[in-house]
Amino acid sequence: MKKLLLLPVALSLVACEGTIFGPKKEPVFVIDSPYAYEQTNDMLMPEVYALAATRSVNKMLDHSAEIYENNPAPKLYITEFKKLSKTLPDGLYYAKDTTKQIIEGSRTYIVVNNLNDADYYLETQIKEIQTQNSESPIIEYKIVLNDKDNNKINEWTETIRQLQNDDKSWW
């Protein structure tokens, strides 16, 4: 008799597995991203931005001596960097950090964190120049020095490209 009572209970548990508890499902893993991303150039390392920043900021300091030789030293605000080509990788923090370190280390300008406190501001634009005969891009790195009245003082442009030699260095 006990066996007969257990049989309907066991059958109902088996039946419940597909209804109350739901069918057993295998986990699903998403491999492809549903988001569309721009294809970045994987030949370019973000550290290259620091190389271009070093060259262009040093040119700016050489050519703007008449501005910073006044006492007291003028205040300079460094704006957010603008990446004009979507295919360039992120990593502009390398360039911004390098720019700030060079300017502060030279003691020519006082770098401030507020645009309203600045006598001058420095804009940076980075874009990729496509070439047909080279696998790697040419990077154009431009900085523009403006006064607080939005008058352009001067601009400096540096272009760098990856060499096609064994070490693939950037120049």
N, C-alpha and C. Protein backbone atom coordinates (compact mmCIF):
# COMPACT_ATOMS: atom_id res chain seq x y z
N MET A 1 0.81 -1.19 0.00
CA MET A 1 0.00 0.00 0.00
C MET A 1 0.86 1.26 0.00
N LYS A 2 1.91 1.22 0.79
CA LYS A 2 2.79 2.38 0.84
C LYS A 2 3.45 2.62 -0.51
N LYS A 3 3.75 1.54 -1.20
CA LYS A 3 4.37 1.68 -2.50
C LYS A 3 3.41 2.32 -3.50
N LEU A 4 2.16 2.04 -3.39
CA LEU A 4 1.17 2.61 -4.29
C LEU A 4 0.99 4.11 -4.05
N LEU A 5 1.14 4.57 -2.84
CA LEU A 5 1.01 5.99 -2.53
C LEU A 5 2.25 6.77 -3.01
N LEU A 6 3.38 6.15 -2.95
CA LEU A 6 4.61 6.82 -3.38
C LEU A 6 4.68 6.97 -4.90
N LEU A 7 4.10 6.08 -5.62
CA LEU A 7 4.14 6.13 -7.07
C LEU A 7 3.48 7.41 -7.63
N PRO A 8 2.28 7.80 -7.18
CA PRO A 8 1.69 9.05 -7.71
C PRO A 8 2.51 10.29 -7.31
N VAL A 9 3.10 10.28 -6.12
CA VAL A 9 3.91 11.42 -5.68
C VAL A 9 5.14 11.54 -6.57
N ALA A 10 5.79 10.44 -6.85
CA ALA A 10 6.98 10.45 -7.69
C ALA A 10 6.64 10.90 -9.10
N LEU A 11 5.51 10.42 -9.63
CA LEU A 11 5.09 10.81 -10.97
C LEU A 11 4.75 12.31 -11.02
N SER A 12 4.17 12.83 -9.97
CA SER A 12 3.82 14.25 -9.97
C SER A 12 5.07 15.12 -9.89
N LEU A 13 6.10 14.70 -9.18
CA LEU A 13 7.35 15.46 -9.13
C LEU A 13 8.04 15.49 -10.48
N VAL A 14 8.02 14.38 -11.17
CA VAL A 14 8.61 14.32 -12.51
C VAL A 14 7.84 15.23 -13.45
N ALA A 15 6.53 15.23 -13.34
CA ALA A 15 5.70 16.06 -14.20
C ALA A 15 5.90 17.55 -13.87
N CYS A 16 6.14 17.85 -12.60
CA CYS A 16 6.32 19.25 -12.18
C CYS A 16 7.63 19.83 -12.69
N GLU A 17 8.59 19.00 -12.94
CA GLU A 17 9.89 19.51 -13.39
C GLU A 17 9.74 20.28 -14.69
N GLY A 18 8.86 19.88 -15.55
CA GLY A 18 8.66 20.57 -16.82
C GLY A 18 7.67 21.70 -16.74
N THR A 19 6.89 21.82 -15.67
CA THR A 19 5.87 22.85 -15.62
C THR A 19 6.15 23.88 -14.53
N ILE A 20 6.14 23.47 -13.28
CA ILE A 20 6.31 24.43 -12.19
C ILE A 20 7.73 24.96 -12.16
N PHE A 21 8.68 24.09 -12.17
CA PHE A 21 10.07 24.51 -12.09
C PHE A 21 10.64 24.93 -13.45
N GLY A 22 9.94 24.64 -14.49
CA GLY A 22 10.40 24.99 -15.83
C GLY A 22 11.38 23.95 -16.35
N PRO A 23 11.52 23.89 -17.65
CA PRO A 23 12.46 22.91 -18.21
C PRO A 23 13.89 23.35 -17.91
N LYS A 24 14.74 22.37 -17.82
CA LYS A 24 16.15 22.68 -17.59
C LYS A 24 16.73 23.28 -18.87
N LYS A 25 17.40 24.42 -18.71
CA LYS A 25 17.99 25.08 -19.86
C LYS A 25 19.49 25.17 -19.66
N GLU A 26 20.19 25.01 -20.74
CA GLU A 26 21.63 25.19 -20.71
C GLU A 26 21.93 26.69 -20.71
N PRO A 27 22.99 27.13 -20.04
CA PRO A 27 23.30 28.57 -20.05
C PRO A 27 23.70 29.03 -21.46
N VAL A 28 23.33 30.24 -21.78
CA VAL A 28 23.63 30.82 -23.08
C VAL A 28 24.70 31.88 -22.88
N PHE A 29 25.76 31.81 -23.65
CA PHE A 29 26.84 32.77 -23.58
C PHE A 29 26.84 33.63 -24.83
N VAL A 30 26.91 34.94 -24.65
CA VAL A 30 26.95 35.86 -25.78
C VAL A 30 28.41 36.04 -26.18
N ILE A 31 28.71 35.68 -27.40
CA ILE A 31 30.08 35.79 -27.89
C ILE A 31 30.24 37.08 -28.68
N ASP A 32 29.33 37.36 -29.56
CA ASP A 32 29.40 38.58 -30.35
C ASP A 32 28.74 39.72 -29.58
N SER A 33 29.37 40.86 -29.60
CA SER A 33 28.83 42.03 -28.93
C SER A 33 27.68 42.59 -29.74
N PRO A 34 26.57 42.94 -29.10
CA PRO A 34 25.46 43.53 -29.85
C PRO A 34 25.70 44.99 -30.18
N TYR A 35 26.79 45.56 -29.68
CA TYR A 35 27.07 46.98 -29.90
C TYR A 35 28.03 47.13 -31.07
N ALA A 36 27.81 48.16 -31.84
CA ALA A 36 28.68 48.43 -33.00
C ALA A 36 29.80 49.36 -32.57
N TYR A 37 31.01 48.94 -32.77
CA TYR A 37 32.18 49.75 -32.45
C TYR A 37 32.92 50.08 -33.72
N GLU A 38 33.55 51.24 -33.72
CA GLU A 38 34.43 51.58 -34.83
C GLU A 38 35.68 50.71 -34.73
N GLN A 39 36.16 50.28 -35.83
CA GLN A 39 37.39 49.49 -35.86
C GLN A 39 38.57 50.41 -35.59
N THR A 40 39.31 50.14 -34.52
CA THR A 40 40.47 50.97 -34.23
C THR A 40 41.70 50.37 -34.88
N ASN A 41 42.65 51.22 -35.09
CA ASN A 41 43.89 50.80 -35.72
C ASN A 41 44.75 50.10 -34.67
N ASP A 42 44.90 48.78 -34.79
CA ASP A 42 45.64 48.03 -33.78
C ASP A 42 47.15 48.09 -33.99
N MET A 43 47.60 48.77 -35.03
CA MET A 43 49.04 48.96 -35.24
C MET A 43 49.57 50.12 -34.39
N LEU A 44 48.69 50.92 -33.85
CA LEU A 44 49.06 52.14 -33.15
C LEU A 44 48.96 51.94 -31.65
N MET A 45 50.03 52.24 -30.95
CA MET A 45 50.04 52.16 -29.49
C MET A 45 49.76 53.55 -28.93
N PRO A 46 48.97 53.65 -27.85
CA PRO A 46 48.64 54.97 -27.30
C PRO A 46 49.84 55.76 -26.79
N GLU A 47 50.95 55.09 -26.49
CA GLU A 47 52.15 55.79 -26.04
C GLU A 47 52.71 56.73 -27.10
N VAL A 48 52.30 56.50 -28.36
CA VAL A 48 52.76 57.35 -29.46
C VAL A 48 52.28 58.78 -29.25
N TYR A 49 51.12 58.95 -28.63
CA TYR A 49 50.61 60.29 -28.36
C TYR A 49 51.58 61.08 -27.48
N ALA A 50 52.21 60.42 -26.54
CA ALA A 50 53.16 61.10 -25.65
C ALA A 50 54.38 61.58 -26.44
N LEU A 51 54.80 60.82 -27.42
CA LEU A 51 55.93 61.23 -28.26
C LEU A 51 55.58 62.50 -29.04
N ALA A 52 54.41 62.52 -29.63
CA ALA A 52 53.97 63.70 -30.38
C ALA A 52 53.77 64.89 -29.45
N ALA A 53 53.24 64.64 -28.26
CA ALA A 53 53.04 65.73 -27.29
C ALA A 53 54.36 66.35 -26.88
N THR A 54 55.36 65.53 -26.64
CA THR A 54 56.67 66.03 -26.24
C THR A 54 57.24 66.95 -27.30
N ARG A 55 57.19 66.54 -28.53
CA ARG A 55 57.75 67.34 -29.62
C ARG A 55 57.00 68.66 -29.80
N SER A 56 55.68 68.59 -29.82
CA SER A 56 54.92 69.82 -30.08
C SER A 56 54.96 70.79 -28.91
N VAL A 57 54.91 70.30 -27.67
CA VAL A 57 54.96 71.20 -26.50
C VAL A 57 56.33 71.86 -26.41
N ASN A 58 57.39 71.14 -26.69
CA ASN A 58 58.72 71.75 -26.68
C ASN A 58 58.85 72.85 -27.74
N LYS A 59 58.24 72.63 -28.91
CA LYS A 59 58.23 73.68 -29.93
C LYS A 59 57.46 74.90 -29.43
N MET A 60 56.31 74.65 -28.78
CA MET A 60 55.52 75.75 -28.27
C MET A 60 56.31 76.56 -27.24
N LEU A 61 57.00 75.88 -26.35
CA LEU A 61 57.79 76.59 -25.33
C LEU A 61 58.93 77.38 -25.95
N ASP A 62 59.54 76.85 -26.99
CA ASP A 62 60.61 77.57 -27.69
C ASP A 62 60.09 78.84 -28.37
N HIS A 63 58.90 78.75 -28.96
CA HIS A 63 58.38 79.86 -29.75
C HIS A 63 57.50 80.84 -28.98
N SER A 64 57.21 80.57 -27.73
CA SER A 64 56.34 81.48 -26.98
C SER A 64 57.07 82.12 -25.81
N ALA A 65 58.36 82.26 -25.91
CA ALA A 65 59.16 82.82 -24.81
C ALA A 65 58.76 84.25 -24.48
N GLU A 66 58.37 85.04 -25.47
CA GLU A 66 57.98 86.42 -25.20
C GLU A 66 56.75 86.51 -24.31
N ILE A 67 55.96 85.45 -24.24
CA ILE A 67 54.77 85.45 -23.39
C ILE A 67 55.13 85.11 -21.95
N TYR A 68 55.88 84.04 -21.76
CA TYR A 68 56.10 83.56 -20.40
C TYR A 68 57.30 84.20 -19.71
N GLU A 69 58.05 85.02 -20.40
CA GLU A 69 59.18 85.69 -19.74
C GLU A 69 58.73 86.88 -18.89
N ASN A 70 57.46 87.23 -18.96
CA ASN A 70 56.93 88.31 -18.13
C ASN A 70 56.75 87.82 -16.71
N ASN A 71 56.87 88.76 -15.76
CA ASN A 71 56.60 88.43 -14.36
C ASN A 71 55.26 88.99 -13.97
N PRO A 72 54.42 88.32 -13.31
CA PRO A 72 54.50 86.91 -12.94
C PRO A 72 54.21 86.01 -14.15
N ALA A 73 54.50 84.74 -13.99
CA ALA A 73 54.29 83.78 -15.08
C ALA A 73 52.80 83.71 -15.41
N PRO A 74 52.47 83.67 -16.71
CA PRO A 74 51.05 83.59 -17.08
C PRO A 74 50.44 82.24 -16.69
N LYS A 75 49.14 82.27 -16.49
CA LYS A 75 48.39 81.06 -16.13
C LYS A 75 47.88 80.42 -17.41
N LEU A 76 48.02 79.09 -17.48
CA LEU A 76 47.65 78.34 -18.68
C LEU A 76 46.68 77.22 -18.30
N TYR A 77 45.62 77.12 -19.07
CA TYR A 77 44.64 76.03 -18.90
C TYR A 77 44.80 75.07 -20.08
N ILE A 78 44.88 73.78 -19.80
CA ILE A 78 44.99 72.75 -20.84
C ILE A 78 43.60 72.15 -21.04
N THR A 79 43.02 72.37 -22.20
CA THR A 79 41.66 71.88 -22.48
C THR A 79 41.68 70.37 -22.69
N GLU A 80 40.48 69.78 -22.74
CA GLU A 80 40.37 68.36 -23.05
C GLU A 80 40.85 68.13 -24.48
N PHE A 81 41.56 67.05 -24.67
CA PHE A 81 42.11 66.75 -25.99
C PHE A 81 41.00 66.25 -26.91
N LYS A 82 41.09 66.61 -28.18
CA LYS A 82 40.09 66.21 -29.17
C LYS A 82 40.69 65.21 -30.13
N LYS A 83 40.08 64.03 -30.16
CA LYS A 83 40.49 62.99 -31.11
C LYS A 83 39.53 63.10 -32.30
N LEU A 84 40.03 63.55 -33.43
CA LEU A 84 39.19 63.83 -34.59
C LEU A 84 38.95 62.62 -35.48
N SER A 85 39.70 61.55 -35.29
CA SER A 85 39.53 60.32 -36.08
C SER A 85 39.06 59.20 -35.16
N LYS A 86 37.95 58.59 -35.51
CA LYS A 86 37.38 57.54 -34.67
C LYS A 86 38.22 56.27 -34.68
N THR A 87 39.05 56.08 -35.67
CA THR A 87 39.84 54.86 -35.76
C THR A 87 41.08 54.89 -34.87
N LEU A 88 41.41 56.04 -34.32
CA LEU A 88 42.56 56.12 -33.42
C LEU A 88 42.19 55.51 -32.07
N PRO A 89 43.11 54.79 -31.46
CA PRO A 89 42.79 54.19 -30.15
C PRO A 89 42.76 55.24 -29.05
N ASP A 90 42.10 54.88 -27.96
CA ASP A 90 42.10 55.75 -26.79
C ASP A 90 43.50 55.76 -26.19
N GLY A 91 43.71 56.64 -25.26
CA GLY A 91 45.02 56.74 -24.64
C GLY A 91 45.52 58.17 -24.64
N LEU A 92 44.61 59.11 -24.83
CA LEU A 92 45.01 60.51 -24.86
C LEU A 92 45.53 60.97 -23.50
N TYR A 93 45.26 60.19 -22.46
CA TYR A 93 45.78 60.54 -21.14
C TYR A 93 47.31 60.53 -21.13
N TYR A 94 47.93 59.71 -21.99
CA TYR A 94 49.39 59.73 -22.11
C TYR A 94 49.86 61.11 -22.57
N ALA A 95 49.20 61.63 -23.58
CA ALA A 95 49.59 62.93 -24.13
C ALA A 95 49.29 64.04 -23.14
N LYS A 96 48.14 63.99 -22.49
CA LYS A 96 47.77 65.05 -21.55
C LYS A 96 48.72 65.07 -20.36
N ASP A 97 49.05 63.91 -19.85
CA ASP A 97 49.98 63.83 -18.73
C ASP A 97 51.37 64.35 -19.13
N THR A 98 51.82 63.96 -20.30
CA THR A 98 53.13 64.43 -20.79
C THR A 98 53.13 65.94 -20.99
N THR A 99 52.08 66.47 -21.58
CA THR A 99 51.97 67.91 -21.79
C THR A 99 52.05 68.66 -20.48
N LYS A 100 51.28 68.22 -19.51
CA LYS A 100 51.25 68.89 -18.22
C LYS A 100 52.61 68.80 -17.52
N GLN A 101 53.25 67.65 -17.56
CA GLN A 101 54.55 67.48 -16.92
C GLN A 101 55.63 68.38 -17.54
N ILE A 102 55.62 68.49 -18.86
CA ILE A 102 56.63 69.32 -19.53
C ILE A 102 56.43 70.79 -19.19
N ILE A 103 55.18 71.24 -19.24
CA ILE A 103 54.92 72.66 -18.96
C ILE A 103 55.20 72.99 -17.50
N GLU A 104 54.77 72.15 -16.59
CA GLU A 104 55.04 72.41 -15.17
C GLU A 104 56.53 72.30 -14.87
N GLY A 105 57.20 71.36 -15.49
CA GLY A 105 58.64 71.18 -15.27
C GLY A 105 59.46 72.33 -15.82
N SER A 106 58.98 72.96 -16.87
CA SER A 106 59.73 74.09 -17.46
C SER A 106 59.57 75.37 -16.63
N ARG A 107 58.57 75.42 -15.80
CA ARG A 107 58.27 76.59 -14.95
C ARG A 107 58.08 77.86 -15.78
N THR A 108 57.49 77.68 -16.94
CA THR A 108 57.24 78.83 -17.82
C THR A 108 55.82 79.36 -17.62
N TYR A 109 54.88 78.47 -17.52
CA TYR A 109 53.48 78.82 -17.29
C TYR A 109 53.05 78.18 -15.97
N ILE A 110 52.03 78.75 -15.37
CA ILE A 110 51.40 78.13 -14.21
C ILE A 110 50.15 77.43 -14.72
N VAL A 111 50.12 76.11 -14.62
CA VAL A 111 48.98 75.33 -15.12
C VAL A 111 47.86 75.43 -14.08
N VAL A 112 46.68 75.85 -14.54
CA VAL A 112 45.51 75.99 -13.67
C VAL A 112 44.43 75.01 -14.10
N ASN A 113 43.52 74.73 -13.17
CA ASN A 113 42.46 73.75 -13.43
C ASN A 113 41.13 74.39 -13.83
N ASN A 114 41.09 75.70 -13.92
CA ASN A 114 39.86 76.39 -14.25
C ASN A 114 40.13 77.36 -15.40
N LEU A 115 39.33 77.27 -16.43
CA LEU A 115 39.51 78.12 -17.60
C LEU A 115 39.35 79.60 -17.25
N ASN A 116 38.46 79.92 -16.31
CA ASN A 116 38.22 81.31 -15.93
C ASN A 116 39.42 81.95 -15.23
N ASP A 117 40.30 81.13 -14.66
CA ASP A 117 41.49 81.64 -13.97
C ASP A 117 42.67 81.84 -14.91
N ALA A 118 42.56 81.36 -16.14
CA ALA A 118 43.70 81.32 -17.05
C ALA A 118 43.86 82.59 -17.87
N ASP A 119 45.11 82.92 -18.17
CA ASP A 119 45.43 84.00 -19.12
C ASP A 119 45.46 83.45 -20.55
N TYR A 120 45.82 82.17 -20.67
CA TYR A 120 45.92 81.49 -21.96
C TYR A 120 45.34 80.10 -21.81
N TYR A 121 44.94 79.51 -22.95
CA TYR A 121 44.54 78.11 -22.92
C TYR A 121 45.12 77.39 -24.13
N LEU A 122 45.36 76.10 -23.93
CA LEU A 122 46.02 75.27 -24.94
C LEU A 122 45.05 74.20 -25.41
N GLU A 123 44.77 74.18 -26.71
CA GLU A 123 43.91 73.17 -27.31
C GLU A 123 44.77 72.14 -28.02
N THR A 124 44.33 70.90 -28.00
CA THR A 124 45.04 69.82 -28.69
C THR A 124 44.08 69.05 -29.57
N GLN A 125 44.47 68.82 -30.81
CA GLN A 125 43.67 68.05 -31.77
C GLN A 125 44.55 66.96 -32.37
N ILE A 126 44.01 65.74 -32.38
CA ILE A 126 44.76 64.60 -32.91
C ILE A 126 43.91 63.94 -33.98
N LYS A 127 44.51 63.72 -35.14
CA LYS A 127 43.77 63.03 -36.20
C LYS A 127 44.70 62.11 -36.97
N GLU A 128 44.09 61.21 -37.69
CA GLU A 128 44.82 60.25 -38.51
C GLU A 128 44.79 60.70 -39.96
N ILE A 129 45.94 60.63 -40.61
CA ILE A 129 46.03 60.92 -42.04
C ILE A 129 46.22 59.58 -42.74
N GLN A 130 45.28 59.22 -43.57
CA GLN A 130 45.33 57.94 -44.28
C GLN A 130 46.32 58.01 -45.43
N THR A 131 47.05 56.93 -45.59
CA THR A 131 47.97 56.81 -46.73
C THR A 131 47.66 55.51 -47.45
N GLN A 132 47.86 55.52 -48.74
CA GLN A 132 47.56 54.33 -49.53
C GLN A 132 48.74 53.38 -49.62
N ASN A 133 49.94 53.87 -49.43
CA ASN A 133 51.11 53.02 -49.62
C ASN A 133 51.69 52.51 -48.31
N SER A 134 51.01 52.72 -47.20
CA SER A 134 51.53 52.29 -45.91
C SER A 134 50.44 51.62 -45.09
N GLU A 135 50.82 50.59 -44.35
CA GLU A 135 49.86 49.91 -43.49
C GLU A 135 49.54 50.73 -42.25
N SER A 136 50.51 51.43 -41.74
CA SER A 136 50.29 52.19 -40.51
C SER A 136 49.93 53.64 -40.84
N PRO A 137 49.16 54.28 -39.97
CA PRO A 137 48.72 55.64 -40.25
C PRO A 137 49.78 56.68 -39.94
N ILE A 138 49.53 57.87 -40.40
CA ILE A 138 50.31 59.03 -40.00
C ILE A 138 49.44 59.79 -39.02
N ILE A 139 50.01 60.16 -37.89
CA ILE A 139 49.27 60.87 -36.86
C ILE A 139 49.63 62.35 -36.95
N GLU A 140 48.61 63.19 -37.04
CA GLU A 140 48.82 64.63 -37.00
C GLU A 140 48.40 65.12 -35.61
N TYR A 141 49.33 65.73 -34.93
CA TYR A 141 49.13 66.19 -33.56
C TYR A 141 49.31 67.70 -33.56
N LYS A 142 48.23 68.43 -33.29
CA LYS A 142 48.27 69.89 -33.38
C LYS A 142 47.88 70.50 -32.04
N ILE A 143 48.69 71.48 -31.58
CA ILE A 143 48.32 72.25 -30.40
C ILE A 143 48.18 73.71 -30.81
N VAL A 144 47.20 74.36 -30.19
CA VAL A 144 46.91 75.76 -30.49
C VAL A 144 46.90 76.53 -29.18
N LEU A 145 47.68 77.60 -29.13
CA LEU A 145 47.73 78.46 -27.96
C LEU A 145 46.85 79.68 -28.21
N ASN A 146 45.88 79.89 -27.33
CA ASN A 146 44.94 81.00 -27.43
C ASN A 146 45.01 81.84 -26.17
N ASP A 147 44.70 83.13 -26.29
CA ASP A 147 44.61 83.95 -25.08
C ASP A 147 43.19 83.87 -24.52
N LYS A 148 42.96 84.52 -23.40
CA LYS A 148 41.66 84.39 -22.73
C LYS A 148 40.53 85.05 -23.51
N ASP A 149 40.87 85.89 -24.49
CA ASP A 149 39.86 86.53 -25.35
C ASP A 149 39.61 85.72 -26.62
N ASN A 150 40.06 84.49 -26.67
CA ASN A 150 39.89 83.56 -27.80
C ASN A 150 40.66 83.99 -29.05
N ASN A 151 41.72 84.75 -28.89
CA ASN A 151 42.59 85.09 -30.01
C ASN A 151 43.69 84.05 -30.12
N LYS A 152 43.85 83.52 -31.33
CA LYS A 152 44.89 82.51 -31.54
C LYS A 152 46.25 83.18 -31.54
N ILE A 153 47.13 82.70 -30.66
CA ILE A 153 48.50 83.21 -30.59
C ILE A 153 49.36 82.52 -31.65
N ASN A 154 49.33 81.19 -31.64
CA ASN A 154 50.11 80.42 -32.60
C ASN A 154 49.65 78.96 -32.53
N GLU A 155 50.07 78.17 -33.49
CA GLU A 155 49.78 76.73 -33.49
C GLU A 155 51.01 75.97 -33.94
N TRP A 156 51.13 74.75 -33.44
CA TRP A 156 52.26 73.90 -33.77
C TRP A 156 51.72 72.52 -34.13
N THR A 157 52.20 71.99 -35.24
CA THR A 157 51.74 70.69 -35.72
C THR A 157 52.92 69.75 -35.82
N GLU A 158 52.71 68.56 -35.36
CA GLU A 158 53.73 67.51 -35.42
C GLU A 158 53.09 66.30 -36.09
N THR A 159 53.77 65.72 -37.04
CA THR A 159 53.28 64.49 -37.66
C THR A 159 54.28 63.37 -37.37
N ILE A 160 53.74 62.24 -37.04
CA ILE A 160 54.59 61.08 -36.79
C ILE A 160 54.01 59.88 -37.53
N ARG A 161 54.89 58.99 -37.90
CA ARG A 161 54.48 57.77 -38.60
C ARG A 161 55.37 56.62 -38.14
N GLN A 162 54.86 55.44 -38.32
CA GLN A 162 55.63 54.25 -37.96
C GLN A 162 56.55 53.89 -39.12
N LEU A 163 57.81 53.70 -38.80
CA LEU A 163 58.78 53.33 -39.83
C LEU A 163 58.56 51.89 -40.26
N GLN A 164 58.93 51.60 -41.46
CA GLN A 164 58.75 50.26 -42.01
C GLN A 164 60.03 49.43 -41.86
N ASN A 165 60.80 49.70 -40.82
CA ASN A 165 62.03 48.93 -40.58
C ASN A 165 61.74 47.79 -39.61
N ASP A 166 62.78 47.16 -39.10
CA ASP A 166 62.62 45.99 -38.25
C ASP A 166 62.00 46.31 -36.90
N ASP A 167 62.34 47.46 -36.32
CA ASP A 167 61.86 47.74 -34.96
C ASP A 167 60.51 48.45 -34.94
N LYS A 168 60.00 48.86 -36.09
CA LYS A 168 58.69 49.51 -36.21
C LYS A 168 58.55 50.73 -35.30
N SER A 169 59.61 51.49 -35.13
CA SER A 169 59.58 52.67 -34.27
C SER A 169 58.80 53.80 -34.95
N TRP A 170 58.39 54.78 -34.14
CA TRP A 170 57.63 55.91 -34.62
C TRP A 170 58.52 57.13 -34.72
N TRP A 171 58.44 57.85 -35.84
CA TRP A 171 59.21 59.08 -36.03
C TRP A 171 58.40 60.08 -36.79
